[in-house]
Amino acid sequence: MEKLMINEVLERYNEEICIFLYLKKVVKDIKDGKTNLTVYLTDASGEIPGKVWSDFYKPDFEKLEERIVKVKGQIELFRGSPQIKVINMRGAKDNEFNCNDFSPSVGNLDELMETIFSFIKIVKKPHIKALLERFFKNPKFLKVFKKCQGGTTIHHALRGGLALHTATVLKSSMRFIDTYESMGGRLHNTFDRDIVIAGAILHDIGKVKEYRSFPINKRTVEGIMQGHLSLGYGMVYSAIRDIEKEGITFPKEDELKLLHTILTHHGELDDVIKPVSTGHVLKPSCVEAVIVSRADEMDSRVNAFESAIISDSSDDKLTRYNYFMKTYIYKN
């Protein structure tokens, strides 16, 4: 079968096509005794609705939950917008599709991971390095981390988005330290670079448990009920206990500052662009936590602005009102 993406079929009006798409939702409608379905279909290139009219309706279609499906249908226009008149639909087999076709992804994942690894290498404190390596030398963890999104809708909502966000927060945090120290006249004696590196790398680690992987792109029950701050705290706390069992001493002060950095990285701006349910726990109370918190907020907001601009299809100079950031965004 010819491999097609949504953006490739939009001009093929009145043509019958077969295409693999991700089925997000099925809505049932019964009118005049006839059953019709509206299905919402997507891939990495876009989204398109599908209509299953009574002539083609099958009860099995309603049983299809969120998953990749093979759709046979005809491209048609409805009020000027394309949709698929679905003739047949079934669940796709595992060997029939590539997951990358159904979710946007970063294009430089290997480079991003190398950035993270390069900072782990320069960590001086052996207990901090052992902690980071416990995660990032674990193939099972790495596989999940590299696929994980940085958010479901607002920012870094793509495969590898967590790696992109983590690497950016890491580099921004360290550049701030370099800039600040180069200016002189600092009142604070010193920054703990190892805590900043570890805090930046681990601040969003709980997202590997908070989100279901693409193409589903939703929060888990665990993620909804606990949030990635609490989940990340638990993961790092447990890892510290594990390395201590192996005979590596982890000073209490370093544990306190690192766990505090994870818990407070949403800072005071949690309700601006982050869902309240992810949990604002505490305000940063040490300089390392402040640095990571502000680097996180800056990267999240800039990426959220870019995403809002890209997704706004109007010709206006400002986007529609953005309820997450509570403002209109200038597009030029």
C-alpha atoms as a PDB file:
ATOM      1  CA  MET A   1       0.000   0.000   0.000  1.00  0.00           C
ATOM      2  CA  GLU A   2       1.192   3.485  -0.827  1.00  0.00           C
ATOM      3  CA  LYS A   3       2.432   5.280   2.274  1.00  0.00           C
ATOM      4  CA  LEU A   4       0.477   8.504   2.714  1.00  0.00           C
ATOM      5  CA  MET A   5       0.367  11.268   5.299  1.00  0.00           C
ATOM      6  CA  ILE A   6      -2.520  13.640   5.962  1.00  0.00           C
ATOM      7  CA  ASN A   7      -0.753  16.576   4.340  1.00  0.00           C
ATOM      8  CA  GLU A   8      -0.324  14.477   1.195  1.00  0.00           C
ATOM      9  CA  VAL A   9      -3.995  13.568   0.772  1.00  0.00           C
ATOM     10  CA  LEU A  10      -5.629  16.946   1.346  1.00  0.00           C
ATOM     11  CA  GLU A  11      -5.598  17.795  -2.373  1.00  0.00           C
ATOM     12  CA  ARG A  12      -6.856  14.389  -3.498  1.00  0.00           C
ATOM     13  CA  TYR A  13     -10.530  15.251  -3.431  1.00  0.00           C
ATOM     14  CA  ASN A  14     -12.985  12.600  -4.662  1.00  0.00           C
ATOM     15  CA  GLU A  15     -10.201  10.026  -4.694  1.00  0.00           C
ATOM     16  CA  GLU A  16     -10.446   6.776  -2.786  1.00  0.00           C
ATOM     17  CA  ILE A  17      -7.385   6.319  -0.615  1.00  0.00           C
ATOM     18  CA  CYS A  18      -5.978   3.940   1.988  1.00  0.00           C
ATOM     19  CA  ILE A  19      -4.012   5.506   4.822  1.00  0.00           C
ATOM     20  CA  PHE A  20      -2.701   4.651   8.300  1.00  0.00           C
ATOM     21  CA  LEU A  21      -3.816   7.178  10.912  1.00  0.00           C
ATOM     22  CA  TYR A  22      -4.047   7.442  14.668  1.00  0.00           C
ATOM     23  CA  LEU A  23      -7.621   7.210  15.912  1.00  0.00           C
ATOM     24  CA  LYS A  24      -8.079   9.713  18.745  1.00  0.00           C
ATOM     25  CA  LYS A  25     -11.812   9.596  19.346  1.00  0.00           C
ATOM     26  CA  VAL A  26     -15.070   8.107  18.065  1.00  0.00           C
ATOM     27  CA  VAL A  27     -18.360  10.020  18.469  1.00  0.00           C
ATOM     28  CA  LYS A  28     -21.624   8.183  17.841  1.00  0.00           C
ATOM     29  CA  ASP A  29     -24.691   9.918  16.395  1.00  0.00           C
ATOM     30  CA  ILE A  30     -28.096   8.328  15.845  1.00  0.00           C
ATOM     31  CA  LYS A  31     -30.492  10.282  13.639  1.00  0.00           C
ATOM     32  CA  ASP A  32     -33.726   9.095  12.054  1.00  0.00           C
ATOM     33  CA  GLY A  33     -32.887   5.597  13.249  1.00  0.00           C
ATOM     34  CA  LYS A  34     -29.566   5.564  11.385  1.00  0.00           C
ATOM     35  CA  THR A  35     -26.181   5.316  13.116  1.00  0.00           C
ATOM     36  CA  ASN A  36     -23.351   7.572  11.966  1.00  0.00           C
ATOM     37  CA  LEU A  37     -19.898   8.044  13.462  1.00  0.00           C
ATOM     38  CA  THR A  38     -17.449  10.914  13.499  1.00  0.00           C
ATOM     39  CA  VAL A  39     -13.855   9.782  13.966  1.00  0.00           C
ATOM     40  CA  TYR A  40     -10.948  12.090  14.724  1.00  0.00           C
ATOM     41  CA  LEU A  41      -7.769  11.006  12.962  1.00  0.00           C
ATOM     42  CA  THR A  42      -4.221  12.307  13.110  1.00  0.00           C
ATOM     43  CA  ASP A  43      -0.600  11.691  12.188  1.00  0.00           C
ATOM     44  CA  ALA A  44       2.611  13.679  12.518  1.00  0.00           C
ATOM     45  CA  SER A  45       1.602  15.980   9.643  1.00  0.00           C
ATOM     46  CA  GLY A  46      -1.820  17.042  10.875  1.00  0.00           C
ATOM     47  CA  GLU A  47      -5.366  16.079  11.778  1.00  0.00           C
ATOM     48  CA  ILE A  48      -8.476  15.300   9.733  1.00  0.00           C
ATOM     49  CA  PRO A  49     -12.023  14.287  10.719  1.00  0.00           C
ATOM     50  CA  GLY A  50     -13.651  11.218   9.257  1.00  0.00           C
ATOM     51  CA  LYS A  51     -17.345  10.521   8.727  1.00  0.00           C
ATOM     52  CA  VAL A  52     -18.730   7.007   8.805  1.00  0.00           C
ATOM     53  CA  TRP A  53     -22.195   7.271   7.284  1.00  0.00           C
ATOM     54  CA  SER A  54     -24.860   4.649   7.929  1.00  0.00           C
ATOM     55  CA  ASP A  55     -24.143   2.948   4.575  1.00  0.00           C
ATOM     56  CA  PHE A  56     -20.675   1.974   5.848  1.00  0.00           C
ATOM     57  CA  TYR A  57     -21.351   1.752   9.580  1.00  0.00           C
ATOM     58  CA  LYS A  58     -20.123  -1.355  11.422  1.00  0.00           C
ATOM     59  CA  PRO A  59     -20.489  -1.897  15.190  1.00  0.00           C
ATOM     60  CA  ASP A  60     -16.817  -2.966  15.299  1.00  0.00           C
ATOM     61  CA  PHE A  61     -15.803   0.609  14.489  1.00  0.00           C
ATOM     62  CA  GLU A  62     -17.143   1.761  17.863  1.00  0.00           C
ATOM     63  CA  LYS A  63     -14.941  -0.762  19.664  1.00  0.00           C
ATOM     64  CA  LEU A  64     -11.749   0.730  18.234  1.00  0.00           C
ATOM     65  CA  GLU A  65     -10.041   2.596  21.048  1.00  0.00           C
ATOM     66  CA  GLU A  66      -7.118   4.989  20.718  1.00  0.00           C
ATOM     67  CA  ARG A  67      -4.724   3.257  18.359  1.00  0.00           C
ATOM     68  CA  ILE A  68      -3.276   3.204  14.837  1.00  0.00           C
ATOM     69  CA  VAL A  69      -5.903   2.225  12.274  1.00  0.00           C
ATOM     70  CA  LYS A  70      -5.902   1.479   8.559  1.00  0.00           C
ATOM     71  CA  VAL A  71      -8.555   3.641   6.928  1.00  0.00           C
ATOM     72  CA  LYS A  72     -10.079   3.184   3.492  1.00  0.00           C
ATOM     73  CA  GLY A  73     -12.101   6.152   2.373  1.00  0.00           C
ATOM     74  CA  GLN A  74     -12.707   9.070   0.066  1.00  0.00           C
ATOM     75  CA  ILE A  75     -11.427  12.623   0.512  1.00  0.00           C
ATOM     76  CA  GLU A  76     -14.268  15.147   0.364  1.00  0.00           C
ATOM     77  CA  LEU A  77     -14.922  18.755   1.278  1.00  0.00           C
ATOM     78  CA  PHE A  78     -17.344  19.802   3.998  1.00  0.00           C
ATOM     79  CA  ARG A  79     -17.894  23.555   4.361  1.00  0.00           C
ATOM     80  CA  GLY A  80     -14.579  24.143   2.651  1.00  0.00           C
ATOM     81  CA  SER A  81     -12.572  21.805   4.888  1.00  0.00           C
ATOM     82  CA  PRO A  82     -11.340  18.319   3.925  1.00  0.00           C
ATOM     83  CA  GLN A  83     -12.600  15.207   5.642  1.00  0.00           C
ATOM     84  CA  ILE A  84     -12.528  11.484   4.953  1.00  0.00           C
ATOM     85  CA  LYS A  85     -15.704   9.595   4.130  1.00  0.00           C
ATOM     86  CA  VAL A  86     -14.742   6.333   5.790  1.00  0.00           C
ATOM     87  CA  ILE A  87     -15.653   3.184   3.866  1.00  0.00           C
ATOM     88  CA  ASN A  88     -13.762   0.720   6.038  1.00  0.00           C
ATOM     89  CA  MET A  89     -11.483   0.850   9.072  1.00  0.00           C
ATOM     90  CA  ARG A  90      -9.571  -1.663  11.162  1.00  0.00           C
ATOM     91  CA  GLY A  91      -6.817  -1.787  13.750  1.00  0.00           C
ATOM     92  CA  ALA A  92      -3.339  -1.760  12.218  1.00  0.00           C
ATOM     93  CA  LYS A  93      -0.928  -4.611  12.761  1.00  0.00           C
ATOM     94  CA  ASP A  94       2.375  -3.909  14.522  1.00  0.00           C
ATOM     95  CA  ASN A  95       4.425  -4.520  11.364  1.00  0.00           C
ATOM     96  CA  GLU A  96       2.335  -2.185   9.223  1.00  0.00           C
ATOM     97  CA  PHE A  97       3.423   1.205  10.539  1.00  0.00           C
ATOM     98  CA  ASN A  98       6.254   3.280  11.974  1.00  0.00           C
ATOM     99  CA  CYS A  99       5.426   5.103  15.225  1.00  0.00           C
ATOM    100  CA  ASN A 100       7.453   8.117  14.056  1.00  0.00           C
ATOM    101  CA  ASP A 101       4.802   8.755  11.382  1.00  0.00           C
ATOM    102  CA  PHE A 102       2.194   9.468  14.031  1.00  0.00           C
ATOM    103  CA  SER A 103       3.843  12.055  16.209  1.00  0.00           C
ATOM    104  CA  PRO A 104       6.089  15.047  15.596  1.00  0.00           C
ATOM    105  CA  SER A 105       9.619  14.494  16.844  1.00  0.00           C
ATOM    106  CA  VAL A 106      12.834  16.422  17.369  1.00  0.00           C
ATOM    107  CA  GLY A 107      15.323  16.073  14.562  1.00  0.00           C
ATOM    108  CA  ASN A 108      18.531  16.194  16.582  1.00  0.00           C
ATOM    109  CA  LEU A 109      17.902  13.729  19.405  1.00  0.00           C
ATOM    110  CA  ASP A 110      21.401  12.213  19.334  1.00  0.00           C
ATOM    111  CA  GLU A 111      22.938  15.669  19.590  1.00  0.00           C
ATOM    112  CA  LEU A 112      20.684  16.574  22.515  1.00  0.00           C
ATOM    113  CA  MET A 113      21.566  13.391  24.369  1.00  0.00           C
ATOM    114  CA  GLU A 114      25.264  14.020  23.775  1.00  0.00           C
ATOM    115  CA  THR A 115      24.828  17.457  25.360  1.00  0.00           C
ATOM    116  CA  ILE A 116      23.341  15.847  28.466  1.00  0.00           C
ATOM    117  CA  PHE A 117      26.075  13.175  28.580  1.00  0.00           C
ATOM    118  CA  SER A 118      28.812  15.811  28.183  1.00  0.00           C
ATOM    119  CA  PHE A 119      27.641  17.655  31.301  1.00  0.00           C
ATOM    120  CA  ILE A 120      27.391  14.440  33.294  1.00  0.00           C
ATOM    121  CA  LYS A 121      31.058  13.810  32.442  1.00  0.00           C
ATOM    122  CA  ILE A 122      32.212  17.098  33.996  1.00  0.00           C
ATOM    123  CA  VAL A 123      30.431  16.549  37.323  1.00  0.00           C
ATOM    124  CA  LYS A 124      33.099  16.493  40.027  1.00  0.00           C
ATOM    125  CA  LYS A 125      31.272  15.048  43.018  1.00  0.00           C
ATOM    126  CA  PRO A 126      31.337  11.250  42.731  1.00  0.00           C
ATOM    127  CA  HIS A 127      27.953  10.770  44.417  1.00  0.00           C
ATOM    128  CA  ILE A 128      26.252  13.225  42.031  1.00  0.00           C
ATOM    129  CA  LYS A 129      27.860  11.560  39.028  1.00  0.00           C
ATOM    130  CA  ALA A 130      26.824   8.116  40.318  1.00  0.00           C
ATOM    131  CA  LEU A 131      23.239   9.347  40.699  1.00  0.00           C
ATOM    132  CA  LEU A 132      23.068  10.729  37.155  1.00  0.00           C
ATOM    133  CA  GLU A 133      24.689   7.634  35.686  1.00  0.00           C
ATOM    134  CA  ARG A 134      22.208   5.444  37.526  1.00  0.00           C
ATOM    135  CA  PHE A 135      19.552   6.921  35.246  1.00  0.00           C
ATOM    136  CA  PHE A 136      21.443   7.743  32.074  1.00  0.00           C
ATOM    137  CA  LYS A 137      23.454   4.534  31.845  1.00  0.00           C
ATOM    138  CA  ASN A 138      20.288   2.490  32.242  1.00  0.00           C
ATOM    139  CA  PRO A 139      19.150   1.347  28.746  1.00  0.00           C
ATOM    140  CA  LYS A 140      15.546   0.843  29.871  1.00  0.00           C
ATOM    141  CA  PHE A 141      15.309   4.360  31.304  1.00  0.00           C
ATOM    142  CA  LEU A 142      17.084   5.896  28.310  1.00  0.00           C
ATOM    143  CA  LYS A 143      14.639   4.305  25.880  1.00  0.00           C
ATOM    144  CA  VAL A 144      11.685   5.883  27.679  1.00  0.00           C
ATOM    145  CA  PHE A 145      13.427   9.230  28.263  1.00  0.00           C
ATOM    146  CA  LYS A 146      14.347   9.678  24.594  1.00  0.00           C
ATOM    147  CA  LYS A 147      10.776   9.047  23.455  1.00  0.00           C
ATOM    148  CA  CYS A 148       9.131  11.206  26.115  1.00  0.00           C
ATOM    149  CA  GLN A 149       7.477  14.520  25.339  1.00  0.00           C
ATOM    150  CA  GLY A 150       8.143  17.672  27.339  1.00  0.00           C
ATOM    151  CA  GLY A 151       4.423  18.410  27.584  1.00  0.00           C
ATOM    152  CA  THR A 152       1.162  17.247  26.078  1.00  0.00           C
ATOM    153  CA  THR A 153      -0.046  20.516  24.554  1.00  0.00           C
ATOM    154  CA  ILE A 154       1.583  23.704  25.817  1.00  0.00           C
ATOM    155  CA  HIS A 155       5.311  23.257  25.231  1.00  0.00           C
ATOM    156  CA  HIS A 156       7.675  20.657  23.768  1.00  0.00           C
ATOM    157  CA  ALA A 157       4.745  18.416  22.816  1.00  0.00           C
ATOM    158  CA  LEU A 158       6.702  16.082  20.547  1.00  0.00           C
ATOM    159  CA  ARG A 159       8.729  12.885  20.738  1.00  0.00           C
ATOM    160  CA  GLY A 160      12.091  13.778  22.218  1.00  0.00           C
ATOM    161  CA  GLY A 161      10.630  16.991  23.623  1.00  0.00           C
ATOM    162  CA  LEU A 162      11.809  16.119  27.123  1.00  0.00           C
ATOM    163  CA  ALA A 163      15.394  15.708  25.893  1.00  0.00           C
ATOM    164  CA  LEU A 164      15.177  19.033  24.025  1.00  0.00           C
ATOM    165  CA  HIS A 165      13.787  20.854  27.045  1.00  0.00           C
ATOM    166  CA  THR A 166      16.266  19.220  29.437  1.00  0.00           C
ATOM    167  CA  ALA A 167      19.293  20.046  27.277  1.00  0.00           C
ATOM    168  CA  THR A 168      18.119  23.648  26.829  1.00  0.00           C
ATOM    169  CA  VAL A 169      17.494  24.184  30.551  1.00  0.00           C
ATOM    170  CA  LEU A 170      20.893  22.629  31.279  1.00  0.00           C
ATOM    171  CA  LYS A 171      22.809  24.855  28.865  1.00  0.00           C
ATOM    172  CA  SER A 172      20.859  27.979  29.884  1.00  0.00           C
ATOM    173  CA  SER A 173      21.539  27.355  33.571  1.00  0.00           C
ATOM    174  CA  MET A 174      25.270  26.880  33.052  1.00  0.00           C
ATOM    175  CA  ARG A 175      25.575  29.879  30.730  1.00  0.00           C
ATOM    176  CA  PHE A 176      23.903  32.041  33.362  1.00  0.00           C
ATOM    177  CA  ILE A 177      26.450  30.891  35.943  1.00  0.00           C
ATOM    178  CA  ASP A 178      29.321  31.650  33.540  1.00  0.00           C
ATOM    179  CA  THR A 179      27.898  35.101  32.762  1.00  0.00           C
ATOM    180  CA  TYR A 180      27.143  35.934  36.382  1.00  0.00           C
ATOM    181  CA  GLU A 181      30.555  34.857  37.636  1.00  0.00           C
ATOM    182  CA  SER A 182      32.339  36.748  34.861  1.00  0.00           C
ATOM    183  CA  MET A 183      30.724  40.028  35.958  1.00  0.00           C
ATOM    184  CA  GLY A 184      32.318  39.950  39.436  1.00  0.00           C
ATOM    185  CA  GLY A 185      31.036  41.637  42.555  1.00  0.00           C
ATOM    186  CA  ARG A 186      29.036  38.573  43.559  1.00  0.00           C
ATOM    187  CA  LEU A 187      27.756  38.484  47.135  1.00  0.00           C
ATOM    188  CA  HIS A 188      27.131  34.750  47.223  1.00  0.00           C
ATOM    189  CA  ASN A 189      30.354  32.819  47.774  1.00  0.00           C
ATOM    190  CA  THR A 190      29.912  30.204  45.080  1.00  0.00           C
ATOM    191  CA  PHE A 191      27.407  28.307  42.990  1.00  0.00           C
ATOM    192  CA  ASP A 192      27.350  24.550  43.341  1.00  0.00           C
ATOM    193  CA  ARG A 193      27.695  23.686  39.650  1.00  0.00           C
ATOM    194  CA  ASP A 194      27.174  19.987  40.274  1.00  0.00           C
ATOM    195  CA  ILE A 195      23.826  20.639  41.956  1.00  0.00           C
ATOM    196  CA  VAL A 196      22.786  22.906  39.079  1.00  0.00           C
ATOM    197  CA  ILE A 197      23.798  20.297  36.488  1.00  0.00           C
ATOM    198  CA  ALA A 198      21.980  17.523  38.346  1.00  0.00           C
ATOM    199  CA  GLY A 199      18.959  19.715  39.032  1.00  0.00           C
ATOM    200  CA  ALA A 200      18.669  20.779  35.400  1.00  0.00           C
ATOM    201  CA  ILE A 201      19.017  17.201  34.121  1.00  0.00           C
ATOM    202  CA  LEU A 202      16.645  15.675  36.673  1.00  0.00           C
ATOM    203  CA  HIS A 203      14.103  18.461  37.182  1.00  0.00           C
ATOM    204  CA  ASP A 204      11.536  16.970  34.785  1.00  0.00           C
ATOM    205  CA  ILE A 205      12.493  13.310  35.136  1.00  0.00           C
ATOM    206  CA  GLY A 206       9.071  12.536  36.600  1.00  0.00           C
ATOM    207  CA  LYS A 207       7.546  13.134  33.166  1.00  0.00           C
ATOM    208  CA  VAL A 208       8.617   9.652  32.065  1.00  0.00           C
ATOM    209  CA  LYS A 209       5.912   8.455  34.476  1.00  0.00           C
ATOM    210  CA  GLU A 210       3.539  11.395  34.051  1.00  0.00           C
ATOM    211  CA  TYR A 211       2.906  10.944  30.321  1.00  0.00           C
ATOM    212  CA  ARG A 212       1.758   8.089  28.138  1.00  0.00           C
ATOM    213  CA  SER A 213       3.992   7.813  25.109  1.00  0.00           C
ATOM    214  CA  PHE A 214       3.095   9.108  21.671  1.00  0.00           C
ATOM    215  CA  PRO A 215       0.929   8.902  19.725  1.00  0.00           C
ATOM    216  CA  ILE A 216      -1.472   8.769  22.699  1.00  0.00           C
ATOM    217  CA  ASN A 217       0.116  11.860  24.283  1.00  0.00           C
ATOM    218  CA  LYS A 218      -1.945  11.955  27.472  1.00  0.00           C
ATOM    219  CA  ARG A 219      -1.176  12.019  31.147  1.00  0.00           C
ATOM    220  CA  THR A 220      -1.234   8.774  33.084  1.00  0.00           C
ATOM    221  CA  VAL A 221      -3.476   8.271  36.106  1.00  0.00           C
ATOM    222  CA  GLU A 222      -0.296   8.454  38.205  1.00  0.00           C
ATOM    223  CA  GLY A 223       0.647  11.692  36.452  1.00  0.00           C
ATOM    224  CA  ILE A 224      -2.743  13.292  37.035  1.00  0.00           C
ATOM    225  CA  MET A 225      -2.908  12.310  40.694  1.00  0.00           C
ATOM    226  CA  GLN A 226       0.714  13.072  41.641  1.00  0.00           C
ATOM    227  CA  GLY A 227       2.307  15.268  38.966  1.00  0.00           C
ATOM    228  CA  HIS A 228       5.854  15.102  37.694  1.00  0.00           C
ATOM    229  CA  LEU A 229       7.362  17.161  40.538  1.00  0.00           C
ATOM    230  CA  SER A 230       6.301  14.586  43.122  1.00  0.00           C
ATOM    231  CA  LEU A 231       7.083  11.660  40.811  1.00  0.00           C
ATOM    232  CA  GLY A 232      10.545  13.056  40.052  1.00  0.00           C
ATOM    233  CA  TYR A 233      11.229  13.639  43.742  1.00  0.00           C
ATOM    234  CA  GLY A 234      10.346  10.015  44.463  1.00  0.00           C
ATOM    235  CA  MET A 235      12.504   8.656  41.655  1.00  0.00           C
ATOM    236  CA  VAL A 236      15.567  10.646  42.718  1.00  0.00           C
ATOM    237  CA  TYR A 237      15.056   9.965  46.429  1.00  0.00           C
ATOM    238  CA  SER A 238      14.857   6.204  45.733  1.00  0.00           C
ATOM    239  CA  ALA A 239      17.950   6.332  43.497  1.00  0.00           C
ATOM    240  CA  ILE A 240      19.929   8.092  46.241  1.00  0.00           C
ATOM    241  CA  ARG A 241      18.936   5.399  48.722  1.00  0.00           C
ATOM    242  CA  ASP A 242      19.985   2.713  46.228  1.00  0.00           C
ATOM    243  CA  ILE A 243      23.454   4.137  45.641  1.00  0.00           C
ATOM    244  CA  GLU A 244      23.947   4.518  49.391  1.00  0.00           C
ATOM    245  CA  LYS A 245      23.250   0.782  49.722  1.00  0.00           C
ATOM    246  CA  GLU A 246      26.127   0.278  47.299  1.00  0.00           C
ATOM    247  CA  GLY A 247      28.471   2.067  49.699  1.00  0.00           C
ATOM    248  CA  ILE A 248      28.438   5.545  48.109  1.00  0.00           C
ATOM    249  CA  THR A 249      27.965   8.334  50.661  1.00  0.00           C
ATOM    250  CA  PHE A 250      25.508  11.028  49.584  1.00  0.00           C
ATOM    251  CA  PRO A 251      25.884  14.107  51.831  1.00  0.00           C
ATOM    252  CA  LYS A 252      22.602  15.251  53.372  1.00  0.00           C
ATOM    253  CA  GLU A 253      23.121  18.877  52.275  1.00  0.00           C
ATOM    254  CA  ASP A 254      23.484  17.870  48.629  1.00  0.00           C
ATOM    255  CA  GLU A 255      20.417  15.634  48.858  1.00  0.00           C
ATOM    256  CA  LEU A 256      18.432  18.477  50.428  1.00  0.00           C
ATOM    257  CA  LYS A 257      19.395  21.034  47.768  1.00  0.00           C
ATOM    258  CA  LEU A 258      18.884  18.665  44.838  1.00  0.00           C
ATOM    259  CA  LEU A 259      15.473  17.414  45.955  1.00  0.00           C
ATOM    260  CA  HIS A 260      14.471  21.008  46.750  1.00  0.00           C
ATOM    261  CA  THR A 261      15.488  22.043  43.220  1.00  0.00           C
ATOM    262  CA  ILE A 262      13.229  19.348  41.740  1.00  0.00           C
ATOM    263  CA  LEU A 263      10.273  20.247  43.963  1.00  0.00           C
ATOM    264  CA  THR A 264      10.510  24.002  43.339  1.00  0.00           C
ATOM    265  CA  HIS A 265      11.382  24.234  39.647  1.00  0.00           C
ATOM    266  CA  HIS A 266       7.918  25.606  38.819  1.00  0.00           C
ATOM    267  CA  GLY A 267       8.716  28.566  41.025  1.00  0.00           C
ATOM    268  CA  GLU A 268       6.096  31.280  41.442  1.00  0.00           C
ATOM    269  CA  LEU A 269       4.826  31.103  37.865  1.00  0.00           C
ATOM    270  CA  ASP A 270       3.226  27.675  38.019  1.00  0.00           C
ATOM    271  CA  ASP A 271      -0.267  28.906  37.142  1.00  0.00           C
ATOM    272  CA  VAL A 272       0.872  30.880  34.082  1.00  0.00           C
ATOM    273  CA  ILE A 273       1.651  28.186  31.538  1.00  0.00           C
ATOM    274  CA  LYS A 274       1.614  24.937  33.511  1.00  0.00           C
ATOM    275  CA  PRO A 275      -1.559  23.081  34.500  1.00  0.00           C
ATOM    276  CA  VAL A 276      -2.295  23.599  38.189  1.00  0.00           C
ATOM    277  CA  SER A 277      -2.636  19.833  38.645  1.00  0.00           C
ATOM    278  CA  THR A 278       1.098  19.355  38.094  1.00  0.00           C
ATOM    279  CA  GLY A 279       1.488  20.890  41.508  1.00  0.00           C
ATOM    280  CA  HIS A 280       3.129  24.068  42.828  1.00  0.00           C
ATOM    281  CA  VAL A 281       4.815  22.794  45.971  1.00  0.00           C
ATOM    282  CA  LEU A 282       7.353  25.364  47.235  1.00  0.00           C
ATOM    283  CA  LYS A 283       9.239  28.466  46.155  1.00  0.00           C
ATOM    284  CA  PRO A 284      12.985  28.137  45.466  1.00  0.00           C
ATOM    285  CA  SER A 285      15.022  28.761  48.621  1.00  0.00           C
ATOM    286  CA  CYS A 286      18.579  28.300  47.329  1.00  0.00           C
ATOM    287  CA  VAL A 287      20.336  29.949  44.391  1.00  0.00           C
ATOM    288  CA  GLU A 288      20.784  26.678  42.493  1.00  0.00           C
ATOM    289  CA  ALA A 289      17.029  26.078  42.600  1.00  0.00           C
ATOM    290  CA  VAL A 290      16.345  29.653  41.433  1.00  0.00           C
ATOM    291  CA  ILE A 291      18.664  29.218  38.450  1.00  0.00           C
ATOM    292  CA  VAL A 292      17.037  25.961  37.332  1.00  0.00           C
ATOM    293  CA  SER A 293      13.529  27.301  37.973  1.00  0.00           C
ATOM    294  CA  ARG A 294      14.028  30.401  35.845  1.00  0.00           C
ATOM    295  CA  ALA A 295      15.790  28.494  33.043  1.00  0.00           C
ATOM    296  CA  ASP A 296      12.864  26.071  33.017  1.00  0.00           C
ATOM    297  CA  GLU A 297      10.279  28.848  32.932  1.00  0.00           C
ATOM    298  CA  MET A 298      12.092  30.726  30.150  1.00  0.00           C
ATOM    299  CA  ASP A 299      12.439  27.700  27.881  1.00  0.00           C
ATOM    300  CA  SER A 300       8.868  26.551  28.525  1.00  0.00           C
ATOM    301  CA  ARG A 301       7.424  29.965  27.759  1.00  0.00           C
ATOM    302  CA  VAL A 302       9.477  30.608  24.611  1.00  0.00           C
ATOM    303  CA  ASN A 303       8.575  27.190  23.213  1.00  0.00           C
ATOM    304  CA  ALA A 304       4.916  27.723  24.152  1.00  0.00           C
ATOM    305  CA  PHE A 305       4.921  31.053  22.294  1.00  0.00           C
ATOM    306  CA  GLU A 306       6.423  29.390  19.223  1.00  0.00           C
ATOM    307  CA  SER A 307       3.886  26.559  19.340  1.00  0.00           C
ATOM    308  CA  ALA A 308       0.995  28.999  19.669  1.00  0.00           C
ATOM    309  CA  ILE A 309       2.225  30.999  16.661  1.00  0.00           C
ATOM    310  CA  ILE A 310       2.678  27.893  14.512  1.00  0.00           C
ATOM    311  CA  SER A 311      -0.767  26.515  15.362  1.00  0.00           C
ATOM    312  CA  ASP A 312      -2.604  29.804  14.698  1.00  0.00           C
ATOM    313  CA  SER A 313      -3.771  29.789  11.064  1.00  0.00           C
ATOM    314  CA  SER A 314      -5.268  33.286  10.954  1.00  0.00           C
ATOM    315  CA  ASP A 315      -3.739  36.211   9.034  1.00  0.00           C
ATOM    316  CA  ASP A 316      -3.923  38.444  12.106  1.00  0.00           C
ATOM    317  CA  LYS A 317      -0.755  39.844  13.641  1.00  0.00           C
ATOM    318  CA  LEU A 318      -1.765  38.450  17.024  1.00  0.00           C
ATOM    319  CA  THR A 319      -2.803  34.913  17.887  1.00  0.00           C
ATOM    320  CA  ARG A 320      -6.136  34.126  19.459  1.00  0.00           C
ATOM    321  CA  TYR A 321      -6.192  34.754  23.198  1.00  0.00           C
ATOM    322  CA  ASN A 322      -3.993  32.142  24.835  1.00  0.00           C
ATOM    323  CA  TYR A 323      -5.654  30.986  28.067  1.00  0.00           C
ATOM    324  CA  PHE A 324      -2.545  29.228  29.353  1.00  0.00           C
ATOM    325  CA  MET A 325      -0.320  32.281  29.079  1.00  0.00           C
ATOM    326  CA  LYS A 326      -3.157  34.740  29.583  1.00  0.00           C
ATOM    327  CA  THR A 327      -2.232  36.988  26.685  1.00  0.00           C
ATOM    328  CA  TYR A 328      -2.334  37.491  22.924  1.00  0.00           C
ATOM    329  CA  ILE A 329       0.949  36.607  21.200  1.00  0.00           C
ATOM    330  CA  TYR A 330       2.516  38.785  18.527  1.00  0.00           C
ATOM    331  CA  LYS A 331       3.267  36.601  15.504  1.00  0.00           C
ATOM    332  CA  ASN A 332       5.829  38.669  13.563  1.00  0.00           C
END
